[in-house]
Amino acid sequence: MHLSAITTSVRLRRAALLGLGALFLHNGAQAAAGQWDSAALGQSGSGASSATPWISNLASGSAYAEWNVILGYPVDNTPDIAGSGTLSELTGGGFATSGGNIYGLGGPTSFQVDLGSATSGTSGTWDVYLRVATQGSVALEAATLNGVSATREVTYNGVITGGFGGAEQESLWKWTLSGSGPWTFNFGATAAHMSLDQVAVYAVQSTGATPAVPEPETWALMAAGLGAIAVLRRRRPA
């Protein structure tokens, strides 16, 4: 086969892949791409536009990065909203679509988010969140932060009726950890044909657990105990 024929073949294959991904996204999506469909954690970013961040009011000293339109492949180090960080596709089984998604055609894709210098030198206790929006095949239940696993909470789920079918989902993982960065997140797809639409990471200093309010029965037992101690003290010889 001549070189020109090989070049033409590669171009046709690339065009076919892009067309396939575009067809999937066009027929499959039930909501606009690049927009969160749920207000997880009671925060904003619930679909007003791709420029509306999930976390609208960042806590002082927090770290945040959000990708709504992913055009760099296999590495995108320019978050659309806030901060700095690097989003990487690790398996080489996907490609960037014109709509700003990473589409996994050849098999299950896996991803890594590195906040880099944004969390370097941090200390104390932190609540750290990873949020991912996908279409088609769903994300794996477990994601890791520096090798520590967490199980996802599905904050949005819609059935896709066109294209390859599947679901449109938004997943949220949370870790509470002590120590310093840098922090690296890993997550992936359960199968081929997952389209990664959005990614956000948020790290905020933990305020600690709120002390529990005693139940009425607990108050009663405490009062009885204090009363018994008082009686014993009165009976003690002078």
Protein backbone atom coordinates (compact mmCIF):
# COMPACT_ATOMS: atom_id res chain seq x y z
CA MET A 1 0.00 0.00 0.00
CA HIS A 2 1.37 3.42 -0.92
CA LEU A 3 2.05 6.03 1.73
CA SER A 4 -0.68 8.30 0.35
CA ALA A 5 -3.19 5.47 0.65
CA ILE A 6 -2.15 4.83 4.27
CA THR A 7 -2.48 8.53 5.10
CA THR A 8 -5.92 8.64 3.53
CA SER A 9 -6.95 5.53 5.47
CA VAL A 10 -5.85 7.07 8.76
CA ARG A 11 -7.73 10.26 8.01
CA LEU A 12 -10.89 8.36 7.13
CA ARG A 13 -10.64 6.29 10.30
CA ARG A 14 -10.19 9.44 12.39
CA ALA A 15 -13.16 11.07 10.69
CA ALA A 16 -15.25 7.96 11.31
CA LEU A 17 -14.34 7.95 15.00
CA LEU A 18 -15.18 11.61 15.38
CA GLY A 19 -18.46 11.09 13.56
CA LEU A 20 -19.29 8.11 15.75
CA GLY A 21 -18.58 10.10 18.88
CA ALA A 22 -20.62 13.04 17.64
CA LEU A 23 -23.52 10.72 16.79
CA PHE A 24 -23.39 9.21 20.24
CA LEU A 25 -23.33 12.57 21.95
CA HIS A 26 -26.07 14.04 19.78
CA ASN A 27 -28.52 11.16 20.12
CA GLY A 28 -27.57 10.09 23.62
CA ALA A 29 -27.44 13.23 25.70
CA GLN A 30 -30.60 14.13 27.60
CA ALA A 31 -29.22 17.48 28.83
CA ALA A 32 -26.78 20.05 27.54
CA ALA A 33 -23.13 19.04 27.65
CA GLY A 34 -20.74 20.87 29.96
CA GLN A 35 -23.46 21.73 32.49
CA TRP A 36 -24.06 20.15 35.88
CA ASP A 37 -27.57 18.75 36.24
CA SER A 38 -27.62 18.57 40.04
CA ALA A 39 -26.56 20.87 42.86
CA ALA A 40 -24.46 18.38 44.81
CA LEU A 41 -23.58 19.37 48.39
CA GLY A 42 -26.23 22.06 48.07
CA GLN A 43 -23.85 24.05 45.90
CA SER A 44 -24.58 25.89 42.68
CA GLY A 45 -23.56 24.89 39.17
CA SER A 46 -26.85 23.15 38.44
CA GLY A 47 -27.01 23.74 34.71
CA ALA A 48 -27.22 27.49 34.19
CA SER A 49 -24.32 27.41 31.76
CA SER A 50 -20.92 25.81 31.25
CA ALA A 51 -19.42 28.91 32.84
CA THR A 52 -21.32 28.40 36.09
CA PRO A 53 -19.03 26.63 38.58
CA TRP A 54 -20.21 23.82 40.80
CA ILE A 55 -18.76 25.60 43.87
CA SER A 56 -19.64 29.26 43.47
CA ASN A 57 -18.26 30.50 46.81
CA LEU A 58 -14.91 28.91 47.53
CA ALA A 59 -13.90 28.63 51.17
CA SER A 60 -10.78 30.55 52.19
CA GLY A 61 -7.65 28.46 51.66
CA SER A 62 -9.46 25.82 49.58
CA ALA A 63 -8.25 24.30 46.30
CA TYR A 64 -10.53 23.97 43.29
CA ALA A 65 -10.37 23.06 39.61
CA GLU A 66 -13.16 22.31 37.12
CA TRP A 67 -13.14 21.09 33.52
CA ASN A 68 -16.39 21.66 31.60
CA VAL A 69 -15.03 21.62 28.05
CA ILE A 70 -12.21 19.08 27.69
CA LEU A 71 -10.32 19.69 24.47
CA GLY A 72 -6.81 18.56 25.40
CA TYR A 73 -6.06 14.88 24.87
CA PRO A 74 -4.56 12.87 26.46
CA VAL A 75 -3.67 15.76 28.80
CA ASP A 76 -5.66 18.90 29.58
CA ASN A 77 -3.87 21.20 32.01
CA THR A 78 -6.12 24.22 31.59
CA PRO A 79 -9.18 23.94 33.88
CA ASP A 80 -12.09 26.06 32.69
CA ILE A 81 -12.87 27.37 36.15
CA ALA A 82 -10.52 28.23 39.03
CA GLY A 83 -7.12 27.08 40.08
CA SER A 84 -4.66 24.84 38.33
CA GLY A 85 -4.44 21.11 37.71
CA THR A 86 -3.93 18.41 35.12
CA LEU A 87 -6.54 15.98 33.76
CA SER A 88 -5.05 12.97 31.95
CA GLU A 89 -6.50 9.94 30.13
CA LEU A 90 -4.14 7.06 30.91
CA THR A 91 -5.14 4.14 28.68
CA GLY A 92 -4.99 5.74 25.23
CA GLY A 93 -8.38 4.24 24.41
CA GLY A 94 -10.27 7.48 23.85
CA PHE A 95 -10.26 10.71 21.89
CA ALA A 96 -11.40 14.30 22.35
CA THR A 97 -14.70 15.12 20.67
CA SER A 98 -15.58 18.47 19.13
CA GLY A 99 -18.12 18.91 21.92
CA GLY A 100 -15.47 18.94 24.63
CA ASN A 101 -15.78 15.37 25.92
CA ILE A 102 -13.35 12.47 26.13
CA TYR A 103 -14.98 9.48 24.45
CA GLY A 104 -13.72 5.93 25.11
CA LEU A 105 -14.17 3.83 21.98
CA GLY A 106 -11.49 1.15 22.25
CA GLY A 107 -12.23 -0.02 25.80
CA PRO A 108 -12.69 1.24 29.38
CA THR A 109 -10.83 4.50 29.83
CA SER A 110 -9.09 5.56 33.02
CA PHE A 111 -8.31 9.07 34.18
CA GLN A 112 -6.10 10.93 36.63
CA VAL A 113 -6.44 14.40 38.10
CA ASP A 114 -3.40 16.02 39.68
CA LEU A 115 -3.91 19.25 41.60
CA GLY A 116 -0.15 19.78 41.64
CA SER A 117 1.08 22.88 43.42
CA ALA A 118 -2.44 23.83 44.49
CA THR A 119 -2.21 21.39 47.41
CA SER A 120 1.54 21.15 47.89
CA GLY A 121 2.54 21.88 51.47
CA THR A 122 -1.00 21.73 52.82
CA SER A 123 -1.54 20.50 56.37
CA GLY A 124 -4.37 19.78 58.78
CA THR A 125 -7.56 17.82 58.10
CA TRP A 126 -9.32 18.22 54.75
CA ASP A 127 -12.60 17.22 53.12
CA VAL A 128 -11.76 16.44 49.51
CA TYR A 129 -14.32 15.88 46.74
CA LEU A 130 -14.13 14.52 43.20
CA ARG A 131 -17.12 15.12 40.94
CA VAL A 132 -17.53 13.57 37.47
CA ALA A 133 -20.25 13.79 34.80
CA THR A 134 -20.45 10.95 32.27
CA GLN A 135 -22.64 9.70 29.43
CA GLY A 136 -23.05 6.17 28.05
CA SER A 137 -21.18 3.57 30.10
CA VAL A 138 -20.96 4.51 33.76
CA ALA A 139 -18.00 5.22 36.00
CA LEU A 140 -16.47 2.63 38.29
CA GLU A 141 -17.86 2.68 41.82
CA ALA A 142 -14.45 3.23 43.40
CA ALA A 143 -12.09 6.14 42.87
CA THR A 144 -8.83 6.75 44.71
CA LEU A 145 -7.06 9.73 46.22
CA ASN A 146 -3.35 9.02 46.66
CA GLY A 147 -4.26 5.32 46.56
CA VAL A 148 -7.04 5.56 49.18
CA SER A 149 -10.37 4.29 47.83
CA ALA A 150 -13.80 5.89 48.20
CA THR A 151 -17.21 4.78 46.90
CA ARG A 152 -19.22 7.10 44.73
CA GLU A 153 -22.60 8.69 45.39
CA VAL A 154 -24.72 9.09 42.25
CA THR A 155 -26.16 12.61 42.44
CA TYR A 156 -27.85 12.54 39.03
CA ASN A 157 -29.01 9.64 36.85
CA GLY A 158 -30.86 9.72 33.54
CA VAL A 159 -31.48 7.00 30.97
CA ILE A 160 -30.08 7.60 27.47
CA THR A 161 -32.47 6.41 24.78
CA GLY A 162 -30.38 7.04 21.63
CA GLY A 163 -26.91 6.26 20.37
CA PHE A 164 -25.27 3.48 22.39
CA GLY A 165 -27.76 3.85 25.25
CA GLY A 166 -26.54 3.70 28.82
CA ALA A 167 -26.95 6.46 31.37
CA GLU A 168 -26.15 10.08 31.93
CA GLN A 169 -24.77 10.27 35.45
CA GLU A 170 -23.06 12.60 37.87
CA SER A 171 -20.89 10.91 40.50
CA LEU A 172 -19.43 12.31 43.71
CA TRP A 173 -16.63 10.84 45.86
CA LYS A 174 -15.46 12.19 49.23
CA TRP A 175 -12.35 11.67 51.35
CA THR A 176 -11.46 13.12 54.75
CA LEU A 177 -7.73 13.04 55.32
CA SER A 178 -4.93 14.63 57.27
CA GLY A 179 -1.58 15.62 55.90
CA SER A 180 -0.19 17.47 52.96
CA GLY A 181 -0.38 17.31 49.17
CA PRO A 182 0.23 16.93 46.37
CA TRP A 183 -3.02 15.01 45.84
CA THR A 184 -3.72 12.73 42.87
CA PHE A 185 -7.15 11.31 41.97
CA ASN A 186 -7.79 8.23 39.81
CA PHE A 187 -11.12 7.08 38.36
CA GLY A 188 -12.30 5.13 35.33
CA ALA A 189 -15.06 3.66 33.20
CA THR A 190 -16.72 0.29 33.63
CA ALA A 191 -16.69 -0.37 29.86
CA ALA A 192 -16.07 1.18 26.46
CA HIS A 193 -18.33 4.01 25.23
CA MET A 194 -18.11 6.19 28.32
CA SER A 195 -18.03 9.88 27.42
CA LEU A 196 -16.41 12.03 30.10
CA ASP A 197 -18.28 15.33 30.13
CA GLN A 198 -17.11 17.20 33.23
CA VAL A 199 -14.66 16.88 36.11
CA ALA A 200 -14.31 18.96 39.29
CA VAL A 201 -12.14 18.61 42.38
CA TYR A 202 -12.61 20.56 45.61
CA ALA A 203 -10.48 20.44 48.76
CA VAL A 204 -11.59 22.40 51.80
CA GLN A 205 -10.27 22.55 55.35
CA SER A 206 -12.41 20.32 57.56
CA THR A 207 -14.22 21.97 60.46
CA GLY A 208 -14.46 18.66 62.29
CA ALA A 209 -17.52 16.75 63.40
CA THR A 210 -20.27 18.66 65.18
CA PRO A 211 -20.68 17.36 68.76
CA ALA A 212 -23.77 15.20 69.03
CA VAL A 213 -26.72 16.52 71.03
CA PRO A 214 -27.65 14.00 73.78
CA GLU A 215 -30.99 12.26 73.42
CA PRO A 216 -33.64 12.79 76.18
CA GLU A 217 -32.92 9.31 77.56
CA THR A 218 -29.24 10.22 77.88
CA TRP A 219 -30.10 13.40 79.77
CA ALA A 220 -32.29 11.35 82.13
CA LEU A 221 -29.50 8.85 82.87
CA MET A 222 -27.02 11.67 83.48
CA ALA A 223 -29.42 13.37 85.89
CA ALA A 224 -30.03 10.10 87.74
CA GLY A 225 -26.31 9.50 88.05
CA LEU A 226 -25.67 12.99 89.40
CA GLY A 227 -28.53 12.56 91.87
CA ALA A 228 -27.09 9.29 93.14
CA ILE A 229 -23.70 10.90 93.67
CA ALA A 230 -25.30 13.73 95.64
CA VAL A 231 -27.16 11.25 97.89
CA LEU A 232 -23.95 9.32 98.61
CA ARG A 233 -22.13 12.49 99.53
CA ARG A 234 -24.88 13.51 101.98
CA ARG A 235 -24.76 10.07 103.67
CA ARG A 236 -20.95 10.13 104.04
CA PRO A 237 -19.91 10.56 107.77
CA ALA A 238 -18.47 13.94 108.67
